[in-house]
């Protein structure tokens, strides 16, 4: 029986890139992977351009192409989760529609999968984003995640990966609302291999992932997979407490050794004010950090769906309702 490869392609405002995606994926399977069946799922996170119309034209042209559109923008990780829920292949490849991750590496991923790898992950060597702020944000994000997260993620690892069906089924059982899929993929384990590649410049359109997005993405990853920020808050508070006690002892010693100390004009008022403000600021920061963790517990208790599908084209009549209900 022929094996089937599912390609899930998140798309947000990618009307100009979808035709290129169709050409390149079709050519790869015709020339390099003719022994495999395949399907492509375009995951439209409520695009504001003509992505919908372009995708529907592709589904009408080729029955192997399918289309999902959500009721609103549920975020990148929820979009990929929906793709995993709806993909039916023996292996699933995540391929972003902007084509910065070259589809030409799919045959190599399949080769390593057939050799026994259950996860084949792309790792970026060089970024050709044309935006030094975005590159800086990505490097800073990987550094923060690697040093603060309890789930060690390979630096440079991206969402461009192949997952075996057993890995997909394991990930589908993880339904926490605050998601970081790169961390979840590492958490589930399984045998993995890596493929290094250079990220291509974006051909059309503009990326929505800037410096702020990268930093927020890193903070979400750290909070999802680590309690280290709370531990750092504890250590910081302990350090401040011990330092305050030592300063109090020093003050008492000076007071008794120099009786005239209490009558001297108080120097360093500005320093004291700055230290007090610093302490208030740090308390507010750590209270906010604790509040972030608590809010995630609160959100998880609501048990809401991760996504809501508004449109579905190219699927069988009974194809994905259970997945949507579980979403």
C-alpha atoms as a PDB file:
ATOM      1  CA  UNK A   1       0.000   0.000   0.000  1.00  0.00           C
ATOM      2  CA  UNK A   2       1.290   3.458  -0.902  1.00  0.00           C
ATOM      3  CA  UNK A   3       2.178   5.656   2.038  1.00  0.00           C
ATOM      4  CA  UNK A   4       0.628   9.081   2.335  1.00  0.00           C
ATOM      5  CA  UNK A   5       2.347  12.338   3.263  1.00  0.00           C
ATOM      6  CA  UNK A   6       0.284  15.202   4.661  1.00  0.00           C
ATOM      7  CA  UNK A   7       1.645  18.729   4.324  1.00  0.00           C
ATOM      8  CA  UNK A   8       0.076  21.324   6.594  1.00  0.00           C
ATOM      9  CA  UNK A   9       0.721  24.875   5.416  1.00  0.00           C
ATOM     10  CA  UNK A  10      -0.258  27.744   7.758  1.00  0.00           C
ATOM     11  CA  UNK A  11      -1.143  30.837   5.747  1.00  0.00           C
ATOM     12  CA  UNK A  12      -1.832  34.404   6.791  1.00  0.00           C
ATOM     13  CA  UNK A  13      -2.094  36.926   3.958  1.00  0.00           C
ATOM     14  CA  UNK A  14      -0.239  34.656   1.505  1.00  0.00           C
ATOM     15  CA  UNK A  15      -2.274  35.105  -1.688  1.00  0.00           C
ATOM     16  CA  UNK A  16       0.857  35.755  -3.770  1.00  0.00           C
ATOM     17  CA  UNK A  17       2.840  32.823  -2.325  1.00  0.00           C
ATOM     18  CA  UNK A  18       0.222  30.052  -2.548  1.00  0.00           C
ATOM     19  CA  UNK A  19       0.587  29.574  -6.350  1.00  0.00           C
ATOM     20  CA  UNK A  20       4.358  29.237  -5.890  1.00  0.00           C
ATOM     21  CA  UNK A  21       3.776  26.767  -3.070  1.00  0.00           C
ATOM     22  CA  UNK A  22       1.526  24.704  -5.352  1.00  0.00           C
ATOM     23  CA  UNK A  23       4.095  24.610  -8.159  1.00  0.00           C
ATOM     24  CA  UNK A  24       7.004  23.612  -5.958  1.00  0.00           C
ATOM     25  CA  UNK A  25       5.200  20.974  -3.904  1.00  0.00           C
ATOM     26  CA  UNK A  26       3.618  19.419  -7.001  1.00  0.00           C
ATOM     27  CA  UNK A  27       6.991  19.267  -8.764  1.00  0.00           C
ATOM     28  CA  UNK A  28       8.726  17.696  -5.752  1.00  0.00           C
ATOM     29  CA  UNK A  29       6.219  14.854  -5.421  1.00  0.00           C
ATOM     30  CA  UNK A  30       6.115  14.263  -9.191  1.00  0.00           C
ATOM     31  CA  UNK A  31       9.897  14.191  -9.596  1.00  0.00           C
ATOM     32  CA  UNK A  32      11.361  13.102  -6.246  1.00  0.00           C
ATOM     33  CA  UNK A  33       8.552  11.280  -4.419  1.00  0.00           C
ATOM     34  CA  UNK A  34       6.397   9.596  -7.079  1.00  0.00           C
ATOM     35  CA  UNK A  35       5.876   6.513  -4.899  1.00  0.00           C
ATOM     36  CA  UNK A  36       3.919   8.466  -2.289  1.00  0.00           C
ATOM     37  CA  UNK A  37       0.414   9.814  -2.160  1.00  0.00           C
ATOM     38  CA  UNK A  38       0.070  13.241  -0.594  1.00  0.00           C
ATOM     39  CA  UNK A  39      -2.334  15.932   0.532  1.00  0.00           C
ATOM     40  CA  UNK A  40      -1.791  19.608   1.291  1.00  0.00           C
ATOM     41  CA  UNK A  41      -3.854  21.402   3.941  1.00  0.00           C
ATOM     42  CA  UNK A  42      -3.870  25.193   3.700  1.00  0.00           C
ATOM     43  CA  UNK A  43      -4.577  26.566   7.168  1.00  0.00           C
ATOM     44  CA  UNK A  44      -5.981  30.082   6.831  1.00  0.00           C
ATOM     45  CA  UNK A  45      -5.798  32.009  10.093  1.00  0.00           C
ATOM     46  CA  UNK A  46      -8.435  34.519   8.961  1.00  0.00           C
ATOM     47  CA  UNK A  47      -6.342  36.263   6.278  1.00  0.00           C
ATOM     48  CA  UNK A  48      -7.335  39.769   5.242  1.00  0.00           C
ATOM     49  CA  UNK A  49      -6.254  39.540   1.592  1.00  0.00           C
ATOM     50  CA  UNK A  50      -7.347  37.118  -1.161  1.00  0.00           C
ATOM     51  CA  UNK A  51      -5.736  34.052   0.415  1.00  0.00           C
ATOM     52  CA  UNK A  52      -9.149  32.391   0.673  1.00  0.00           C
ATOM     53  CA  UNK A  53      -9.987  32.856  -3.009  1.00  0.00           C
ATOM     54  CA  UNK A  54      -6.543  31.685  -4.095  1.00  0.00           C
ATOM     55  CA  UNK A  55      -6.723  28.599  -1.883  1.00  0.00           C
ATOM     56  CA  UNK A  56     -10.201  27.683  -3.093  1.00  0.00           C
ATOM     57  CA  UNK A  57      -8.984  27.904  -6.687  1.00  0.00           C
ATOM     58  CA  UNK A  58      -6.245  25.406  -5.841  1.00  0.00           C
ATOM     59  CA  UNK A  59      -8.682  22.999  -4.155  1.00  0.00           C
ATOM     60  CA  UNK A  60     -10.904  23.153  -7.241  1.00  0.00           C
ATOM     61  CA  UNK A  61      -7.894  22.524  -9.470  1.00  0.00           C
ATOM     62  CA  UNK A  62      -6.373  19.645  -7.481  1.00  0.00           C
ATOM     63  CA  UNK A  63      -8.338  17.359  -5.154  1.00  0.00           C
ATOM     64  CA  UNK A  64      -5.192  16.701  -3.118  1.00  0.00           C
ATOM     65  CA  UNK A  65      -5.310  20.304  -1.882  1.00  0.00           C
ATOM     66  CA  UNK A  66      -7.621  21.138   1.011  1.00  0.00           C
ATOM     67  CA  UNK A  67      -8.539  24.301   2.849  1.00  0.00           C
ATOM     68  CA  UNK A  68      -9.408  25.266   6.424  1.00  0.00           C
ATOM     69  CA  UNK A  69     -10.386  28.739   7.562  1.00  0.00           C
ATOM     70  CA  UNK A  70     -10.957  29.614  11.197  1.00  0.00           C
ATOM     71  CA  UNK A  71     -13.655  31.842  12.649  1.00  0.00           C
ATOM     72  CA  UNK A  72     -10.923  34.245  13.822  1.00  0.00           C
ATOM     73  CA  UNK A  73      -7.169  34.362  14.237  1.00  0.00           C
ATOM     74  CA  UNK A  74      -6.439  31.795  16.949  1.00  0.00           C
ATOM     75  CA  UNK A  75      -2.668  32.122  16.663  1.00  0.00           C
ATOM     76  CA  UNK A  76       0.091  30.190  14.969  1.00  0.00           C
ATOM     77  CA  UNK A  77       0.310  27.186  17.305  1.00  0.00           C
ATOM     78  CA  UNK A  78      -3.454  26.658  17.391  1.00  0.00           C
ATOM     79  CA  UNK A  79      -3.451  26.762  13.593  1.00  0.00           C
ATOM     80  CA  UNK A  80      -0.838  24.013  13.374  1.00  0.00           C
ATOM     81  CA  UNK A  81      -2.758  22.017  15.970  1.00  0.00           C
ATOM     82  CA  UNK A  82      -5.816  22.145  13.715  1.00  0.00           C
ATOM     83  CA  UNK A  83      -3.661  20.909  10.840  1.00  0.00           C
ATOM     84  CA  UNK A  84      -2.447  17.956  12.913  1.00  0.00           C
ATOM     85  CA  UNK A  85      -6.046  17.174  13.868  1.00  0.00           C
ATOM     86  CA  UNK A  86      -7.199  17.115  10.237  1.00  0.00           C
ATOM     87  CA  UNK A  87      -4.153  15.533   8.542  1.00  0.00           C
ATOM     88  CA  UNK A  88      -4.591  11.882   7.595  1.00  0.00           C
ATOM     89  CA  UNK A  89      -1.119  10.944   6.350  1.00  0.00           C
ATOM     90  CA  UNK A  90       1.329   8.365   7.658  1.00  0.00           C
ATOM     91  CA  UNK A  91       3.660  11.320   8.177  1.00  0.00           C
ATOM     92  CA  UNK A  92       2.915  15.039   8.498  1.00  0.00           C
ATOM     93  CA  UNK A  93       5.179  17.846   7.288  1.00  0.00           C
ATOM     94  CA  UNK A  94       4.734  21.409   8.546  1.00  0.00           C
ATOM     95  CA  UNK A  95       5.638  23.860   5.774  1.00  0.00           C
ATOM     96  CA  UNK A  96       4.994  27.581   6.074  1.00  0.00           C
ATOM     97  CA  UNK A  97       3.322  29.134   3.031  1.00  0.00           C
ATOM     98  CA  UNK A  98       5.868  31.953   2.713  1.00  0.00           C
ATOM     99  CA  UNK A  99       8.405  29.435   1.290  1.00  0.00           C
ATOM    100  CA  UNK A 100      11.272  30.711   3.438  1.00  0.00           C
ATOM    101  CA  UNK A 101      11.682  27.091   4.506  1.00  0.00           C
ATOM    102  CA  UNK A 102      12.594  25.416   1.176  1.00  0.00           C
ATOM    103  CA  UNK A 103      10.242  22.545   0.205  1.00  0.00           C
ATOM    104  CA  UNK A 104      13.213  20.922  -1.541  1.00  0.00           C
ATOM    105  CA  UNK A 105      14.199  19.318   1.781  1.00  0.00           C
ATOM    106  CA  UNK A 106      10.993  17.290   2.018  1.00  0.00           C
ATOM    107  CA  UNK A 107      12.491  14.269   0.120  1.00  0.00           C
ATOM    108  CA  UNK A 108      15.414  14.183   2.569  1.00  0.00           C
ATOM    109  CA  UNK A 109      12.977  14.317   5.495  1.00  0.00           C
ATOM    110  CA  UNK A 110      11.024  11.415   4.024  1.00  0.00           C
ATOM    111  CA  UNK A 111      14.262   9.480   3.481  1.00  0.00           C
ATOM    112  CA  UNK A 112      15.280   9.860   7.128  1.00  0.00           C
ATOM    113  CA  UNK A 113      11.747   8.971   8.215  1.00  0.00           C
ATOM    114  CA  UNK A 114      11.892   5.751   6.180  1.00  0.00           C
ATOM    115  CA  UNK A 115      15.256   5.022   7.819  1.00  0.00           C
ATOM    116  CA  UNK A 116      13.606   5.032  11.242  1.00  0.00           C
ATOM    117  CA  UNK A 117      13.444   8.641  12.416  1.00  0.00           C
ATOM    118  CA  UNK A 118      10.092   9.544  13.964  1.00  0.00           C
ATOM    119  CA  UNK A 119      10.771  13.302  14.011  1.00  0.00           C
ATOM    120  CA  UNK A 120      12.886  15.030  11.376  1.00  0.00           C
ATOM    121  CA  UNK A 121      13.402  18.668  12.315  1.00  0.00           C
ATOM    122  CA  UNK A 122      14.821  21.475  10.216  1.00  0.00           C
ATOM    123  CA  UNK A 123      17.504  23.638  11.837  1.00  0.00           C
ATOM    124  CA  UNK A 124      18.347  27.064  10.419  1.00  0.00           C
ATOM    125  CA  UNK A 125      22.015  27.770   9.694  1.00  0.00           C
ATOM    126  CA  UNK A 126      21.669  31.206   8.128  1.00  0.00           C
ATOM    127  CA  UNK A 127      18.697  33.550   8.183  1.00  0.00           C
ATOM    128  CA  UNK A 128      18.145  35.673   5.103  1.00  0.00           C
ATOM    129  CA  UNK A 129      15.254  37.680   6.499  1.00  0.00           C
ATOM    130  CA  UNK A 130      16.622  41.010   5.271  1.00  0.00           C
ATOM    131  CA  UNK A 131      15.698  42.444   8.675  1.00  0.00           C
ATOM    132  CA  UNK A 132      18.436  42.572  11.282  1.00  0.00           C
ATOM    133  CA  UNK A 133      15.923  43.332  14.050  1.00  0.00           C
ATOM    134  CA  UNK A 134      14.009  40.141  13.279  1.00  0.00           C
ATOM    135  CA  UNK A 135      17.240  38.119  13.162  1.00  0.00           C
ATOM    136  CA  UNK A 136      18.298  39.646  16.470  1.00  0.00           C
ATOM    137  CA  UNK A 137      14.901  38.825  17.956  1.00  0.00           C
ATOM    138  CA  UNK A 138      15.141  35.209  16.780  1.00  0.00           C
ATOM    139  CA  UNK A 139      18.636  34.753  18.257  1.00  0.00           C
ATOM    140  CA  UNK A 140      17.572  36.365  21.533  1.00  0.00           C
ATOM    141  CA  UNK A 141      14.488  34.141  21.647  1.00  0.00           C
ATOM    142  CA  UNK A 142      16.496  30.940  21.161  1.00  0.00           C
ATOM    143  CA  UNK A 143      18.988  32.053  23.834  1.00  0.00           C
ATOM    144  CA  UNK A 144      16.235  32.750  26.375  1.00  0.00           C
ATOM    145  CA  UNK A 145      14.402  29.504  25.635  1.00  0.00           C
ATOM    146  CA  UNK A 146      17.563  27.383  25.795  1.00  0.00           C
ATOM    147  CA  UNK A 147      18.758  28.817  29.121  1.00  0.00           C
ATOM    148  CA  UNK A 148      15.461  29.252  30.964  1.00  0.00           C
ATOM    149  CA  UNK A 149      13.249  26.435  29.674  1.00  0.00           C
ATOM    150  CA  UNK A 150      13.345  23.023  31.342  1.00  0.00           C
ATOM    151  CA  UNK A 151      12.720  21.388  27.944  1.00  0.00           C
ATOM    152  CA  UNK A 152      15.936  21.891  25.992  1.00  0.00           C
ATOM    153  CA  UNK A 153      15.187  22.876  22.408  1.00  0.00           C
ATOM    154  CA  UNK A 154      17.873  22.661  19.744  1.00  0.00           C
ATOM    155  CA  UNK A 155      18.999  26.224  18.867  1.00  0.00           C
ATOM    156  CA  UNK A 156      17.767  27.127  15.403  1.00  0.00           C
ATOM    157  CA  UNK A 157      15.105  24.387  15.321  1.00  0.00           C
ATOM    158  CA  UNK A 158      12.023  25.582  13.436  1.00  0.00           C
ATOM    159  CA  UNK A 159       8.448  24.511  12.728  1.00  0.00           C
ATOM    160  CA  UNK A 160       9.685  22.995   9.448  1.00  0.00           C
ATOM    161  CA  UNK A 161       9.574  19.319  10.405  1.00  0.00           C
ATOM    162  CA  UNK A 162       8.251  15.866   9.576  1.00  0.00           C
ATOM    163  CA  UNK A 163       6.314  13.937  12.229  1.00  0.00           C
ATOM    164  CA  UNK A 164       5.509  10.247  12.158  1.00  0.00           C
ATOM    165  CA  UNK A 165       1.850   9.333  12.691  1.00  0.00           C
ATOM    166  CA  UNK A 166       2.526   8.056  16.227  1.00  0.00           C
ATOM    167  CA  UNK A 167       4.057  11.431  17.126  1.00  0.00           C
ATOM    168  CA  UNK A 168       1.060  13.244  15.653  1.00  0.00           C
ATOM    169  CA  UNK A 169      -1.318  11.142  17.725  1.00  0.00           C
ATOM    170  CA  UNK A 170       0.700  11.871  20.885  1.00  0.00           C
ATOM    171  CA  UNK A 171       0.612  15.621  20.185  1.00  0.00           C
ATOM    172  CA  UNK A 172      -3.127  15.529  19.519  1.00  0.00           C
ATOM    173  CA  UNK A 173      -3.689  14.328  23.072  1.00  0.00           C
ATOM    174  CA  UNK A 174      -1.975  17.420  24.492  1.00  0.00           C
ATOM    175  CA  UNK A 175      -4.715  20.085  24.604  1.00  0.00           C
ATOM    176  CA  UNK A 176      -3.405  22.843  26.898  1.00  0.00           C
ATOM    177  CA  UNK A 177      -4.626  26.258  25.686  1.00  0.00           C
ATOM    178  CA  UNK A 178      -1.281  28.057  26.030  1.00  0.00           C
ATOM    179  CA  UNK A 179       0.717  26.168  23.450  1.00  0.00           C
ATOM    180  CA  UNK A 180       4.333  26.078  22.376  1.00  0.00           C
ATOM    181  CA  UNK A 181       4.547  23.295  19.821  1.00  0.00           C
ATOM    182  CA  UNK A 182       8.331  23.290  19.497  1.00  0.00           C
ATOM    183  CA  UNK A 183       8.475  22.507  23.197  1.00  0.00           C
ATOM    184  CA  UNK A 184       5.711  19.906  22.977  1.00  0.00           C
ATOM    185  CA  UNK A 185       7.494  18.143  20.115  1.00  0.00           C
ATOM    186  CA  UNK A 186      10.602  17.869  22.303  1.00  0.00           C
ATOM    187  CA  UNK A 187       8.581  16.850  25.360  1.00  0.00           C
ATOM    188  CA  UNK A 188       6.945  13.815  23.722  1.00  0.00           C
ATOM    189  CA  UNK A 189      10.345  12.285  22.947  1.00  0.00           C
ATOM    190  CA  UNK A 190      10.711   9.742  20.094  1.00  0.00           C
ATOM    191  CA  UNK A 191      13.700   9.239  17.818  1.00  0.00           C
ATOM    192  CA  UNK A 192      14.685  12.394  15.979  1.00  0.00           C
ATOM    193  CA  UNK A 193      17.058  13.578  13.290  1.00  0.00           C
ATOM    194  CA  UNK A 194      17.970  17.082  12.137  1.00  0.00           C
ATOM    195  CA  UNK A 195      18.411  18.673   8.737  1.00  0.00           C
ATOM    196  CA  UNK A 196      20.371  21.958   8.590  1.00  0.00           C
ATOM    197  CA  UNK A 197      19.313  24.469   5.942  1.00  0.00           C
ATOM    198  CA  UNK A 198      19.550  28.141   5.040  1.00  0.00           C
ATOM    199  CA  UNK A 199      16.324  30.109   5.289  1.00  0.00           C
ATOM    200  CA  UNK A 200      15.420  31.757   1.991  1.00  0.00           C
ATOM    201  CA  UNK A 201      14.426  35.420   1.668  1.00  0.00           C
ATOM    202  CA  UNK A 202      10.704  36.041   1.594  1.00  0.00           C
ATOM    203  CA  UNK A 203       9.599  36.252  -2.052  1.00  0.00           C
ATOM    204  CA  UNK A 204       6.336  38.162  -1.597  1.00  0.00           C
ATOM    205  CA  UNK A 205       4.452  39.903   1.187  1.00  0.00           C
ATOM    206  CA  UNK A 206       5.612  40.974   4.614  1.00  0.00           C
ATOM    207  CA  UNK A 207       6.213  38.860   7.685  1.00  0.00           C
ATOM    208  CA  UNK A 208       4.098  39.532  10.767  1.00  0.00           C
ATOM    209  CA  UNK A 209       6.824  38.115  13.035  1.00  0.00           C
ATOM    210  CA  UNK A 210       8.944  41.081  14.118  1.00  0.00           C
ATOM    211  CA  UNK A 211      11.186  41.659  17.120  1.00  0.00           C
ATOM    212  CA  UNK A 212       8.295  42.044  19.591  1.00  0.00           C
ATOM    213  CA  UNK A 213       6.650  38.855  18.257  1.00  0.00           C
ATOM    214  CA  UNK A 214       9.896  36.901  18.728  1.00  0.00           C
ATOM    215  CA  UNK A 215      10.351  38.102  22.312  1.00  0.00           C
ATOM    216  CA  UNK A 216       6.725  37.354  23.204  1.00  0.00           C
ATOM    217  CA  UNK A 217       7.094  33.942  21.571  1.00  0.00           C
ATOM    218  CA  UNK A 218      10.165  33.235  23.704  1.00  0.00           C
ATOM    219  CA  UNK A 219       8.438  34.340  26.914  1.00  0.00           C
ATOM    220  CA  UNK A 220       5.471  32.101  26.113  1.00  0.00           C
ATOM    221  CA  UNK A 221       7.838  29.166  25.534  1.00  0.00           C
ATOM    222  CA  UNK A 222       9.607  29.763  28.852  1.00  0.00           C
ATOM    223  CA  UNK A 223       6.403  30.076  30.864  1.00  0.00           C
ATOM    224  CA  UNK A 224       4.878  27.003  29.171  1.00  0.00           C
ATOM    225  CA  UNK A 225       7.833  24.758  29.970  1.00  0.00           C
ATOM    226  CA  UNK A 226       9.590  26.150  33.004  1.00  0.00           C
ATOM    227  CA  UNK A 227       9.075  27.399  36.558  1.00  0.00           C
ATOM    228  CA  UNK A 228      12.535  28.966  36.556  1.00  0.00           C
ATOM    229  CA  UNK A 229      11.204  32.560  36.399  1.00  0.00           C
ATOM    230  CA  UNK A 230       9.359  31.921  39.677  1.00  0.00           C
ATOM    231  CA  UNK A 231      12.496  30.367  41.155  1.00  0.00           C
ATOM    232  CA  UNK A 232      14.518  33.405  40.085  1.00  0.00           C
ATOM    233  CA  UNK A 233      11.943  35.617  41.792  1.00  0.00           C
ATOM    234  CA  UNK A 234      12.423  33.607  44.997  1.00  0.00           C
ATOM    235  CA  UNK A 235      16.210  33.868  44.815  1.00  0.00           C
ATOM    236  CA  UNK A 236      16.030  37.580  44.085  1.00  0.00           C
ATOM    237  CA  UNK A 237      13.717  38.191  47.042  1.00  0.00           C
ATOM    238  CA  UNK A 238      15.970  36.129  49.324  1.00  0.00           C
ATOM    239  CA  UNK A 239      19.034  38.089  48.187  1.00  0.00           C
ATOM    240  CA  UNK A 240      17.316  41.430  48.832  1.00  0.00           C
ATOM    241  CA  UNK A 241      16.164  40.253  52.283  1.00  0.00           C
ATOM    242  CA  UNK A 242      19.622  39.066  53.335  1.00  0.00           C
ATOM    243  CA  UNK A 243      21.205  42.256  51.967  1.00  0.00           C
ATOM    244  CA  UNK A 244      18.714  44.384  53.908  1.00  0.00           C
ATOM    245  CA  UNK A 245      19.485  42.521  57.147  1.00  0.00           C
ATOM    246  CA  UNK A 246      23.222  42.999  56.632  1.00  0.00           C
ATOM    247  CA  UNK A 247      22.737  46.715  55.989  1.00  0.00           C
ATOM    248  CA  UNK A 248      20.594  46.983  59.147  1.00  0.00           C
ATOM    249  CA  UNK A 249      23.337  45.307  61.217  1.00  0.00           C
ATOM    250  CA  UNK A 250      25.936  47.639  59.720  1.00  0.00           C
ATOM    251  CA  UNK A 251      23.766  50.649  60.554  1.00  0.00           C
ATOM    252  CA  UNK A 252      23.361  49.505  64.173  1.00  0.00           C
ATOM    253  CA  UNK A 253      27.090  48.955  64.497  1.00  0.00           C
ATOM    254  CA  UNK A 254      27.869  52.455  63.230  1.00  0.00           C
ATOM    255  CA  UNK A 255      25.176  53.918  65.509  1.00  0.00           C
ATOM    256  CA  UNK A 256      26.722  52.455  68.673  1.00  0.00           C
ATOM    257  CA  UNK A 257      30.340  53.094  67.641  1.00  0.00           C
ATOM    258  CA  UNK A 258      29.633  56.716  66.701  1.00  0.00           C
ATOM    259  CA  UNK A 259      27.158  58.375  69.092  1.00  0.00           C
ATOM    260  CA  UNK A 260      27.093  61.509  66.917  1.00  0.00           C
ATOM    261  CA  UNK A 261      25.888  59.468  63.908  1.00  0.00           C
ATOM    262  CA  UNK A 262      22.212  60.142  64.623  1.00  0.00           C
ATOM    263  CA  UNK A 263      22.806  63.922  64.601  1.00  0.00           C
ATOM    264  CA  UNK A 264      24.610  63.950  61.258  1.00  0.00           C
ATOM    265  CA  UNK A 265      22.673  65.165  58.233  1.00  0.00           C
ATOM    266  CA  UNK A 266      21.296  62.129  56.359  1.00  0.00           C
ATOM    267  CA  UNK A 267      23.403  61.638  53.211  1.00  0.00           C
ATOM    268  CA  UNK A 268      22.321  59.512  50.247  1.00  0.00           C
ATOM    269  CA  UNK A 269      18.645  60.420  50.214  1.00  0.00           C
ATOM    270  CA  UNK A 270      18.583  60.154  46.403  1.00  0.00           C
ATOM    271  CA  UNK A 271      20.136  56.692  46.573  1.00  0.00           C
ATOM    272  CA  UNK A 272      17.517  55.544  49.082  1.00  0.00           C
ATOM    273  CA  UNK A 273      14.684  56.872  46.937  1.00  0.00           C
ATOM    274  CA  UNK A 274      16.080  55.078  43.871  1.00  0.00           C
ATOM    275  CA  UNK A 275      16.474  51.827  45.806  1.00  0.00           C
ATOM    276  CA  UNK A 276      12.911  52.083  47.116  1.00  0.00           C
ATOM    277  CA  UNK A 277      11.575  52.693  43.610  1.00  0.00           C
ATOM    278  CA  UNK A 278      13.669  49.805  42.302  1.00  0.00           C
ATOM    279  CA  UNK A 279      12.256  47.522  44.988  1.00  0.00           C
ATOM    280  CA  UNK A 280       8.698  48.564  44.203  1.00  0.00           C
ATOM    281  CA  UNK A 281       9.322  47.986  40.498  1.00  0.00           C
ATOM    282  CA  UNK A 282      10.737  44.511  41.071  1.00  0.00           C
ATOM    283  CA  UNK A 283       7.833  43.587  43.361  1.00  0.00           C
ATOM    284  CA  UNK A 284       5.378  44.681  40.688  1.00  0.00           C
ATOM    285  CA  UNK A 285       7.284  42.702  38.051  1.00  0.00           C
ATOM    286  CA  UNK A 286       7.283  39.488  40.062  1.00  0.00           C
ATOM    287  CA  UNK A 287       3.638  39.898  41.063  1.00  0.00           C
ATOM    288  CA  UNK A 288       2.857  40.248  37.364  1.00  0.00           C
ATOM    289  CA  UNK A 289       4.909  37.124  36.648  1.00  0.00           C
ATOM    290  CA  UNK A 290       3.003  35.142  39.247  1.00  0.00           C
ATOM    291  CA  UNK A 291      -0.233  36.535  37.831  1.00  0.00           C
ATOM    292  CA  UNK A 292       0.757  35.276  34.371  1.00  0.00           C
ATOM    293  CA  UNK A 293       1.183  31.733  35.662  1.00  0.00           C
ATOM    294  CA  UNK A 294      -2.109  31.923  37.554  1.00  0.00           C
ATOM    295  CA  UNK A 295      -3.945  33.277  34.510  1.00  0.00           C
ATOM    296  CA  UNK A 296      -2.807  30.259  32.504  1.00  0.00           C
ATOM    297  CA  UNK A 297      -4.202  27.930  35.147  1.00  0.00           C
ATOM    298  CA  UNK A 298      -7.431  29.943  34.979  1.00  0.00           C
ATOM    299  CA  UNK A 299      -7.581  29.701  31.183  1.00  0.00           C
ATOM    300  CA  UNK A 300      -6.956  25.967  31.248  1.00  0.00           C
ATOM    301  CA  UNK A 301      -9.817  25.530  33.715  1.00  0.00           C
ATOM    302  CA  UNK A 302     -12.238  27.013  31.177  1.00  0.00           C
ATOM    303  CA  UNK A 303     -11.545  24.074  28.835  1.00  0.00           C
ATOM    304  CA  UNK A 304     -12.429  26.034  25.696  1.00  0.00           C
ATOM    305  CA  UNK A 305     -11.745  24.755  22.190  1.00  0.00           C
ATOM    306  CA  UNK A 306      -8.310  25.579  20.787  1.00  0.00           C
ATOM    307  CA  UNK A 307      -9.811  26.717  17.482  1.00  0.00           C
ATOM    308  CA  UNK A 308     -13.113  26.936  15.605  1.00  0.00           C
ATOM    309  CA  UNK A 309     -13.289  26.025  11.927  1.00  0.00           C
ATOM    310  CA  UNK A 310     -15.507  28.369   9.918  1.00  0.00           C
ATOM    311  CA  UNK A 311     -14.900  26.809   6.488  1.00  0.00           C
ATOM    312  CA  UNK A 312     -13.655  23.449   5.301  1.00  0.00           C
ATOM    313  CA  UNK A 313     -13.130  22.543   1.638  1.00  0.00           C
ATOM    314  CA  UNK A 314     -11.791  19.371   0.034  1.00  0.00           C
ATOM    315  CA  UNK A 315     -12.473  17.034   2.986  1.00  0.00           C
ATOM    316  CA  UNK A 316     -14.820  14.066   3.042  1.00  0.00           C
ATOM    317  CA  UNK A 317     -18.252  14.635   4.525  1.00  0.00           C
ATOM    318  CA  UNK A 318     -17.234  12.774   7.704  1.00  0.00           C
ATOM    319  CA  UNK A 319     -13.597  13.757   7.599  1.00  0.00           C
ATOM    320  CA  UNK A 320     -12.929  16.109  10.478  1.00  0.00           C
ATOM    321  CA  UNK A 321     -15.889  16.712  12.738  1.00  0.00           C
ATOM    322  CA  UNK A 322     -14.430  14.672  15.632  1.00  0.00           C
ATOM    323  CA  UNK A 323     -11.168  16.594  15.384  1.00  0.00           C
ATOM    324  CA  UNK A 324     -13.003  19.902  15.472  1.00  0.00           C
ATOM    325  CA  UNK A 325     -15.036  18.852  18.486  1.00  0.00           C
ATOM    326  CA  UNK A 326     -11.822  17.888  20.234  1.00  0.00           C
ATOM    327  CA  UNK A 327     -10.220  21.191  19.242  1.00  0.00           C
END
